[in-house]
């Protein structure tokens, strides 16, 4: 049975952020599904709740697990949700986890400051879309630049989603994870804030830091991220054979 991949997007964006990864996986014969979390993408009209977000991940994982071992991949908020899901009291049927751009505990002053920043950007006349466009033009290759916006931006959901993350006990969840785990961070990612803590909590995990890259590592260096996917899949394949 071949490895099945479930992809979970970050805040504001949608399943379309994974278009380059989905194309890579499908070209190499791997089954994958990129989900839309509540309040995002095709589910923009829904309210975001932790319960429904975790249920969305669980439903995708359990469906995929019928066909083979599951590699769960999450970016940013999606990565935090995946860590909380895999490190829950009842381990789900996940064989390996890639948690990208999410080594920061979503509590306290850091979360408050980030929420303040997003509110300030959202208060701009165009809700920050001009600024977002300029940042993407300056940092993302042309071939992946449209991926984050293709499913729409969940501007009305982001503050509620950020607020809800404070209810997650990420530290406890990470400490409970025993399956193969990869942390992937861009060199200049602001969410590397607690990277050393995450390494202490999960000493068995691999940390991959991608040079010359910020938070949007999947789109800035897609070939590198795809290589990480290939590495994780090969690891799970070897585990299934042994």
C-alpha atoms as a PDB file:
ATOM      1  CA  UNK A   1       0.000   0.000   0.000  1.00  0.00           C
ATOM      2  CA  UNK A   2       1.485   3.331  -1.053  1.00  0.00           C
ATOM      3  CA  UNK A   3       1.831   6.426   1.118  1.00  0.00           C
ATOM      4  CA  UNK A   4      -1.175   8.765   1.079  1.00  0.00           C
ATOM      5  CA  UNK A   5      -0.573  12.493   1.575  1.00  0.00           C
ATOM      6  CA  UNK A   6      -2.958  14.943   3.284  1.00  0.00           C
ATOM      7  CA  UNK A   7      -2.107  18.658   2.961  1.00  0.00           C
ATOM      8  CA  UNK A   8      -3.419  21.348   5.350  1.00  0.00           C
ATOM      9  CA  UNK A   9      -3.089  25.027   4.448  1.00  0.00           C
ATOM     10  CA  UNK A  10      -2.282  28.049   6.589  1.00  0.00           C
ATOM     11  CA  UNK A  11      -4.362  30.995   7.709  1.00  0.00           C
ATOM     12  CA  UNK A  12      -6.064  33.264   5.121  1.00  0.00           C
ATOM     13  CA  UNK A  13      -5.200  30.989   2.188  1.00  0.00           C
ATOM     14  CA  UNK A  14      -6.704  27.685   1.051  1.00  0.00           C
ATOM     15  CA  UNK A  15      -5.977  24.300  -0.508  1.00  0.00           C
ATOM     16  CA  UNK A  16      -4.695  26.123  -3.609  1.00  0.00           C
ATOM     17  CA  UNK A  17      -1.469  27.037  -1.790  1.00  0.00           C
ATOM     18  CA  UNK A  18      -0.421  23.412  -2.385  1.00  0.00           C
ATOM     19  CA  UNK A  19      -0.898  23.409  -6.176  1.00  0.00           C
ATOM     20  CA  UNK A  20       2.805  22.953  -6.897  1.00  0.00           C
ATOM     21  CA  UNK A  21       3.100  20.144  -4.330  1.00  0.00           C
ATOM     22  CA  UNK A  22      -0.055  18.436  -5.602  1.00  0.00           C
ATOM     23  CA  UNK A  23       1.291  18.533  -9.164  1.00  0.00           C
ATOM     24  CA  UNK A  24       4.619  17.085  -8.002  1.00  0.00           C
ATOM     25  CA  UNK A  25       2.967  14.292  -6.027  1.00  0.00           C
ATOM     26  CA  UNK A  26       0.529  13.359  -8.776  1.00  0.00           C
ATOM     27  CA  UNK A  27       3.289  13.372 -11.403  1.00  0.00           C
ATOM     28  CA  UNK A  28       5.168  10.877  -9.235  1.00  0.00           C
ATOM     29  CA  UNK A  29       2.165   8.616  -8.715  1.00  0.00           C
ATOM     30  CA  UNK A  30       1.260   9.521  -5.119  1.00  0.00           C
ATOM     31  CA  UNK A  31      -2.329   9.958  -3.967  1.00  0.00           C
ATOM     32  CA  UNK A  32      -2.904  13.247  -2.159  1.00  0.00           C
ATOM     33  CA  UNK A  33      -5.698  15.479  -0.910  1.00  0.00           C
ATOM     34  CA  UNK A  34      -5.457  19.168  -0.010  1.00  0.00           C
ATOM     35  CA  UNK A  35      -8.285  20.163   2.323  1.00  0.00           C
ATOM     36  CA  UNK A  36     -10.038  23.502   2.836  1.00  0.00           C
ATOM     37  CA  UNK A  37     -10.430  24.398   6.505  1.00  0.00           C
ATOM     38  CA  UNK A  38     -13.692  26.038   7.666  1.00  0.00           C
ATOM     39  CA  UNK A  39     -13.884  29.720   6.742  1.00  0.00           C
ATOM     40  CA  UNK A  40     -11.305  29.292   3.965  1.00  0.00           C
ATOM     41  CA  UNK A  41     -11.350  28.635   0.229  1.00  0.00           C
ATOM     42  CA  UNK A  42     -14.442  26.738  -0.891  1.00  0.00           C
ATOM     43  CA  UNK A  43     -15.766  27.000   2.704  1.00  0.00           C
ATOM     44  CA  UNK A  44     -15.378  30.783   3.003  1.00  0.00           C
ATOM     45  CA  UNK A  45     -18.963  31.252   4.213  1.00  0.00           C
ATOM     46  CA  UNK A  46     -18.493  28.975   7.227  1.00  0.00           C
ATOM     47  CA  UNK A  47     -17.351  30.047  10.667  1.00  0.00           C
ATOM     48  CA  UNK A  48     -13.923  28.874  11.759  1.00  0.00           C
ATOM     49  CA  UNK A  49     -13.880  26.689  14.860  1.00  0.00           C
ATOM     50  CA  UNK A  50     -11.129  24.474  16.219  1.00  0.00           C
ATOM     51  CA  UNK A  51     -13.559  21.576  16.461  1.00  0.00           C
ATOM     52  CA  UNK A  52     -14.512  21.748  12.792  1.00  0.00           C
ATOM     53  CA  UNK A  53     -10.922  22.384  11.674  1.00  0.00           C
ATOM     54  CA  UNK A  54      -9.659  19.306  13.524  1.00  0.00           C
ATOM     55  CA  UNK A  55     -12.643  17.293  12.292  1.00  0.00           C
ATOM     56  CA  UNK A  56     -11.760  18.278   8.705  1.00  0.00           C
ATOM     57  CA  UNK A  57      -8.226  16.977   9.162  1.00  0.00           C
ATOM     58  CA  UNK A  58      -9.439  13.816  10.873  1.00  0.00           C
ATOM     59  CA  UNK A  59     -11.964  13.013   8.136  1.00  0.00           C
ATOM     60  CA  UNK A  60      -9.326  13.413   5.408  1.00  0.00           C
ATOM     61  CA  UNK A  61      -6.777  11.337   7.322  1.00  0.00           C
ATOM     62  CA  UNK A  62      -9.173   8.475   8.046  1.00  0.00           C
ATOM     63  CA  UNK A  63     -10.361   8.353   4.453  1.00  0.00           C
ATOM     64  CA  UNK A  64      -6.762   8.285   3.192  1.00  0.00           C
ATOM     65  CA  UNK A  65      -5.683   5.678   5.763  1.00  0.00           C
ATOM     66  CA  UNK A  66      -7.936   3.116   4.095  1.00  0.00           C
ATOM     67  CA  UNK A  67      -5.499   3.033   1.164  1.00  0.00           C
ATOM     68  CA  UNK A  68      -2.124   3.209   2.899  1.00  0.00           C
ATOM     69  CA  UNK A  69       0.034   4.924   5.546  1.00  0.00           C
ATOM     70  CA  UNK A  70      -0.718   8.638   5.830  1.00  0.00           C
ATOM     71  CA  UNK A  71       1.813  11.456   5.619  1.00  0.00           C
ATOM     72  CA  UNK A  72       0.182  14.560   7.081  1.00  0.00           C
ATOM     73  CA  UNK A  73       1.606  17.920   5.965  1.00  0.00           C
ATOM     74  CA  UNK A  74       0.633  21.282   7.467  1.00  0.00           C
ATOM     75  CA  UNK A  75       1.825  24.840   6.920  1.00  0.00           C
ATOM     76  CA  UNK A  76       1.673  27.658   9.495  1.00  0.00           C
ATOM     77  CA  UNK A  77      -1.748  27.498  11.202  1.00  0.00           C
ATOM     78  CA  UNK A  78      -2.305  24.204   9.397  1.00  0.00           C
ATOM     79  CA  UNK A  79       0.947  22.930  10.867  1.00  0.00           C
ATOM     80  CA  UNK A  80      -0.102  23.879  14.396  1.00  0.00           C
ATOM     81  CA  UNK A  81      -3.449  22.159  13.910  1.00  0.00           C
ATOM     82  CA  UNK A  82      -1.704  19.030  12.623  1.00  0.00           C
ATOM     83  CA  UNK A  83       0.641  18.989  15.623  1.00  0.00           C
ATOM     84  CA  UNK A  84      -2.335  19.298  17.981  1.00  0.00           C
ATOM     85  CA  UNK A  85      -4.193  16.571  16.069  1.00  0.00           C
ATOM     86  CA  UNK A  86      -1.337  14.055  15.934  1.00  0.00           C
ATOM     87  CA  UNK A  87      -0.293  14.751  19.524  1.00  0.00           C
ATOM     88  CA  UNK A  88      -3.777  14.345  20.946  1.00  0.00           C
ATOM     89  CA  UNK A  89      -4.733  11.939  23.707  1.00  0.00           C
ATOM     90  CA  UNK A  90      -5.792   9.315  21.139  1.00  0.00           C
ATOM     91  CA  UNK A  91      -3.143   9.054  18.375  1.00  0.00           C
ATOM     92  CA  UNK A  92      -4.795   9.076  14.934  1.00  0.00           C
ATOM     93  CA  UNK A  93      -3.822   6.860  11.961  1.00  0.00           C
ATOM     94  CA  UNK A  94      -0.951   9.080  10.816  1.00  0.00           C
ATOM     95  CA  UNK A  95       2.403   7.495   9.941  1.00  0.00           C
ATOM     96  CA  UNK A  96       4.444  10.692   9.564  1.00  0.00           C
ATOM     97  CA  UNK A  97       4.076  14.466   9.905  1.00  0.00           C
ATOM     98  CA  UNK A  98       5.701  17.459   8.202  1.00  0.00           C
ATOM     99  CA  UNK A  99       5.041  20.638  10.190  1.00  0.00           C
ATOM    100  CA  UNK A 100       6.178  23.650   8.167  1.00  0.00           C
ATOM    101  CA  UNK A 101       6.588  27.244   9.329  1.00  0.00           C
ATOM    102  CA  UNK A 102       4.934  26.680  12.700  1.00  0.00           C
ATOM    103  CA  UNK A 103       7.549  26.391  15.452  1.00  0.00           C
ATOM    104  CA  UNK A 104       5.943  29.103  17.573  1.00  0.00           C
ATOM    105  CA  UNK A 105       3.636  28.624  20.554  1.00  0.00           C
ATOM    106  CA  UNK A 106       0.376  30.509  19.772  1.00  0.00           C
ATOM    107  CA  UNK A 107      -0.008  32.122  23.198  1.00  0.00           C
ATOM    108  CA  UNK A 108       0.706  35.348  25.008  1.00  0.00           C
ATOM    109  CA  UNK A 109       2.449  38.445  23.720  1.00  0.00           C
ATOM    110  CA  UNK A 110       3.560  36.925  20.428  1.00  0.00           C
ATOM    111  CA  UNK A 111       0.040  35.971  19.400  1.00  0.00           C
ATOM    112  CA  UNK A 112      -1.346  39.299  20.629  1.00  0.00           C
ATOM    113  CA  UNK A 113       1.222  41.215  18.577  1.00  0.00           C
ATOM    114  CA  UNK A 114       0.490  39.177  15.467  1.00  0.00           C
ATOM    115  CA  UNK A 115      -3.245  39.736  15.855  1.00  0.00           C
ATOM    116  CA  UNK A 116      -2.620  43.465  16.283  1.00  0.00           C
ATOM    117  CA  UNK A 117      -0.551  43.509  13.103  1.00  0.00           C
ATOM    118  CA  UNK A 118      -3.165  41.639  11.056  1.00  0.00           C
ATOM    119  CA  UNK A 119      -5.896  43.976  12.317  1.00  0.00           C
ATOM    120  CA  UNK A 120      -3.831  47.004  11.297  1.00  0.00           C
ATOM    121  CA  UNK A 121      -3.305  45.587   7.812  1.00  0.00           C
ATOM    122  CA  UNK A 122      -6.989  44.669   7.551  1.00  0.00           C
ATOM    123  CA  UNK A 123      -7.947  48.255   8.448  1.00  0.00           C
ATOM    124  CA  UNK A 124      -6.237  49.639   5.343  1.00  0.00           C
ATOM    125  CA  UNK A 125      -8.608  50.897   2.605  1.00  0.00           C
ATOM    126  CA  UNK A 126      -8.048  47.802   0.460  1.00  0.00           C
ATOM    127  CA  UNK A 127      -7.727  45.481   3.483  1.00  0.00           C
ATOM    128  CA  UNK A 128      -4.026  45.188   2.754  1.00  0.00           C
ATOM    129  CA  UNK A 129      -4.317  43.603  -0.669  1.00  0.00           C
ATOM    130  CA  UNK A 130      -1.913  46.078  -2.312  1.00  0.00           C
ATOM    131  CA  UNK A 131       0.685  45.378   0.373  1.00  0.00           C
ATOM    132  CA  UNK A 132       0.146  41.635   0.092  1.00  0.00           C
ATOM    133  CA  UNK A 133       0.619  41.810  -3.667  1.00  0.00           C
ATOM    134  CA  UNK A 134       3.875  43.753  -3.367  1.00  0.00           C
ATOM    135  CA  UNK A 135       5.269  41.286  -0.805  1.00  0.00           C
ATOM    136  CA  UNK A 136       4.419  38.325  -3.029  1.00  0.00           C
ATOM    137  CA  UNK A 137       5.982  40.026  -6.060  1.00  0.00           C
ATOM    138  CA  UNK A 138       9.186  40.638  -4.104  1.00  0.00           C
ATOM    139  CA  UNK A 139       9.521  37.146  -2.649  1.00  0.00           C
ATOM    140  CA  UNK A 140       7.635  34.483  -4.636  1.00  0.00           C
ATOM    141  CA  UNK A 141       8.620  33.106  -8.071  1.00  0.00           C
ATOM    142  CA  UNK A 142       6.171  33.880 -10.862  1.00  0.00           C
ATOM    143  CA  UNK A 143       5.226  30.220 -11.304  1.00  0.00           C
ATOM    144  CA  UNK A 144       3.891  29.892  -7.725  1.00  0.00           C
ATOM    145  CA  UNK A 145       2.925  33.496  -6.954  1.00  0.00           C
ATOM    146  CA  UNK A 146      -0.793  33.064  -7.581  1.00  0.00           C
ATOM    147  CA  UNK A 147      -1.191  29.867  -5.542  1.00  0.00           C
ATOM    148  CA  UNK A 148      -1.934  31.527  -2.202  1.00  0.00           C
ATOM    149  CA  UNK A 149      -4.646  33.801  -3.598  1.00  0.00           C
ATOM    150  CA  UNK A 150      -6.244  31.394  -6.074  1.00  0.00           C
ATOM    151  CA  UNK A 151      -8.843  30.175  -3.570  1.00  0.00           C
ATOM    152  CA  UNK A 152      -9.468  33.656  -2.164  1.00  0.00           C
ATOM    153  CA  UNK A 153      -8.202  35.236   1.039  1.00  0.00           C
ATOM    154  CA  UNK A 154     -10.159  34.492   4.228  1.00  0.00           C
ATOM    155  CA  UNK A 155      -9.912  38.037   5.556  1.00  0.00           C
ATOM    156  CA  UNK A 156     -13.088  37.814   7.630  1.00  0.00           C
ATOM    157  CA  UNK A 157     -11.904  34.639   9.346  1.00  0.00           C
ATOM    158  CA  UNK A 158      -8.302  35.347  10.241  1.00  0.00           C
ATOM    159  CA  UNK A 159      -8.749  37.096  13.607  1.00  0.00           C
ATOM    160  CA  UNK A 160     -11.187  34.483  14.918  1.00  0.00           C
ATOM    161  CA  UNK A 161      -8.871  31.720  13.721  1.00  0.00           C
ATOM    162  CA  UNK A 162      -5.843  33.313  15.372  1.00  0.00           C
ATOM    163  CA  UNK A 163      -7.758  33.829  18.621  1.00  0.00           C
ATOM    164  CA  UNK A 164      -8.869  30.204  18.677  1.00  0.00           C
ATOM    165  CA  UNK A 165      -5.296  28.891  18.383  1.00  0.00           C
ATOM    166  CA  UNK A 166      -4.613  30.027  21.953  1.00  0.00           C
ATOM    167  CA  UNK A 167      -6.775  27.127  23.155  1.00  0.00           C
ATOM    168  CA  UNK A 168      -4.297  24.584  21.748  1.00  0.00           C
ATOM    169  CA  UNK A 169      -1.704  23.089  24.079  1.00  0.00           C
ATOM    170  CA  UNK A 170       0.918  22.717  21.380  1.00  0.00           C
ATOM    171  CA  UNK A 171       3.797  22.023  23.759  1.00  0.00           C
ATOM    172  CA  UNK A 172       2.031  19.053  25.323  1.00  0.00           C
ATOM    173  CA  UNK A 173       0.969  17.750  21.925  1.00  0.00           C
ATOM    174  CA  UNK A 174       4.464  17.941  20.412  1.00  0.00           C
ATOM    175  CA  UNK A 175       5.931  16.112  23.412  1.00  0.00           C
ATOM    176  CA  UNK A 176       3.508  13.202  22.806  1.00  0.00           C
ATOM    177  CA  UNK A 177       4.389  12.702  19.132  1.00  0.00           C
ATOM    178  CA  UNK A 178       6.364   9.529  18.484  1.00  0.00           C
ATOM    179  CA  UNK A 179       5.929   9.074  14.719  1.00  0.00           C
ATOM    180  CA  UNK A 180       8.509  10.407  12.217  1.00  0.00           C
ATOM    181  CA  UNK A 181       8.316  14.205  12.385  1.00  0.00           C
ATOM    182  CA  UNK A 182       9.935  16.895  10.270  1.00  0.00           C
ATOM    183  CA  UNK A 183       9.964  20.610  11.133  1.00  0.00           C
ATOM    184  CA  UNK A 184      10.587  22.745   8.031  1.00  0.00           C
ATOM    185  CA  UNK A 185      11.334  26.457   8.454  1.00  0.00           C
ATOM    186  CA  UNK A 186      12.481  29.228   6.184  1.00  0.00           C
ATOM    187  CA  UNK A 187      15.698  30.879   7.355  1.00  0.00           C
ATOM    188  CA  UNK A 188      13.931  34.213   7.864  1.00  0.00           C
ATOM    189  CA  UNK A 189      10.584  32.878   9.067  1.00  0.00           C
ATOM    190  CA  UNK A 190       9.151  34.889  11.966  1.00  0.00           C
ATOM    191  CA  UNK A 191       7.571  31.718  13.349  1.00  0.00           C
ATOM    192  CA  UNK A 192      10.961  30.245  14.236  1.00  0.00           C
ATOM    193  CA  UNK A 193      10.432  32.014  17.573  1.00  0.00           C
ATOM    194  CA  UNK A 194      10.248  28.813  19.662  1.00  0.00           C
ATOM    195  CA  UNK A 195      12.227  26.542  17.373  1.00  0.00           C
ATOM    196  CA  UNK A 196      14.644  25.451  20.121  1.00  0.00           C
ATOM    197  CA  UNK A 197      11.720  24.586  22.411  1.00  0.00           C
ATOM    198  CA  UNK A 198      10.110  22.429  19.731  1.00  0.00           C
ATOM    199  CA  UNK A 199      13.421  20.611  19.244  1.00  0.00           C
ATOM    200  CA  UNK A 200      13.618  19.887  22.971  1.00  0.00           C
ATOM    201  CA  UNK A 201      10.017  18.689  23.063  1.00  0.00           C
ATOM    202  CA  UNK A 202      10.539  16.359  20.094  1.00  0.00           C
ATOM    203  CA  UNK A 203      14.228  15.372  20.113  1.00  0.00           C
ATOM    204  CA  UNK A 204      13.574  12.630  17.568  1.00  0.00           C
ATOM    205  CA  UNK A 205      12.290  15.136  14.996  1.00  0.00           C
ATOM    206  CA  UNK A 206      14.297  16.378  12.042  1.00  0.00           C
ATOM    207  CA  UNK A 207      14.689  20.140  11.626  1.00  0.00           C
ATOM    208  CA  UNK A 208      15.199  21.411   8.087  1.00  0.00           C
ATOM    209  CA  UNK A 209      15.949  25.128   7.687  1.00  0.00           C
ATOM    210  CA  UNK A 210      15.690  26.352   4.094  1.00  0.00           C
ATOM    211  CA  UNK A 211      18.182  29.160   3.333  1.00  0.00           C
ATOM    212  CA  UNK A 212      17.095  32.521   1.892  1.00  0.00           C
ATOM    213  CA  UNK A 213      13.444  31.769   2.586  1.00  0.00           C
ATOM    214  CA  UNK A 214      10.744  33.414   4.707  1.00  0.00           C
ATOM    215  CA  UNK A 215       7.438  32.074   6.006  1.00  0.00           C
ATOM    216  CA  UNK A 216       6.060  31.028   2.603  1.00  0.00           C
ATOM    217  CA  UNK A 217       8.585  28.242   2.147  1.00  0.00           C
ATOM    218  CA  UNK A 218       6.325  26.012   0.016  1.00  0.00           C
ATOM    219  CA  UNK A 219       6.028  28.675  -2.686  1.00  0.00           C
ATOM    220  CA  UNK A 220       9.408  30.408  -2.352  1.00  0.00           C
ATOM    221  CA  UNK A 221      11.432  27.186  -2.661  1.00  0.00           C
ATOM    222  CA  UNK A 222       8.969  24.611  -4.014  1.00  0.00           C
ATOM    223  CA  UNK A 223      11.664  22.254  -5.292  1.00  0.00           C
ATOM    224  CA  UNK A 224      13.258  22.114  -1.847  1.00  0.00           C
ATOM    225  CA  UNK A 225       9.916  21.485  -0.173  1.00  0.00           C
ATOM    226  CA  UNK A 226       9.104  18.792  -2.715  1.00  0.00           C
ATOM    227  CA  UNK A 227      12.437  17.157  -1.883  1.00  0.00           C
ATOM    228  CA  UNK A 228      11.364  17.071   1.778  1.00  0.00           C
ATOM    229  CA  UNK A 229       8.124  15.403   0.710  1.00  0.00           C
ATOM    230  CA  UNK A 230      10.107  12.819  -1.233  1.00  0.00           C
ATOM    231  CA  UNK A 231      12.339  12.184   1.804  1.00  0.00           C
ATOM    232  CA  UNK A 232       9.362  11.727   4.127  1.00  0.00           C
ATOM    233  CA  UNK A 233       7.581   9.413   1.696  1.00  0.00           C
ATOM    234  CA  UNK A 234      10.717   7.290   1.296  1.00  0.00           C
ATOM    235  CA  UNK A 235      11.056   7.068   5.073  1.00  0.00           C
ATOM    236  CA  UNK A 236       7.467   5.874   5.477  1.00  0.00           C
ATOM    237  CA  UNK A 237       7.857   3.439   2.581  1.00  0.00           C
ATOM    238  CA  UNK A 238      10.889   1.900   4.276  1.00  0.00           C
ATOM    239  CA  UNK A 239       8.985   1.663   7.561  1.00  0.00           C
ATOM    240  CA  UNK A 240       6.091  -0.118   5.865  1.00  0.00           C
ATOM    241  CA  UNK A 241       8.463  -2.659   4.295  1.00  0.00           C
ATOM    242  CA  UNK A 242      10.332  -3.481   7.509  1.00  0.00           C
END
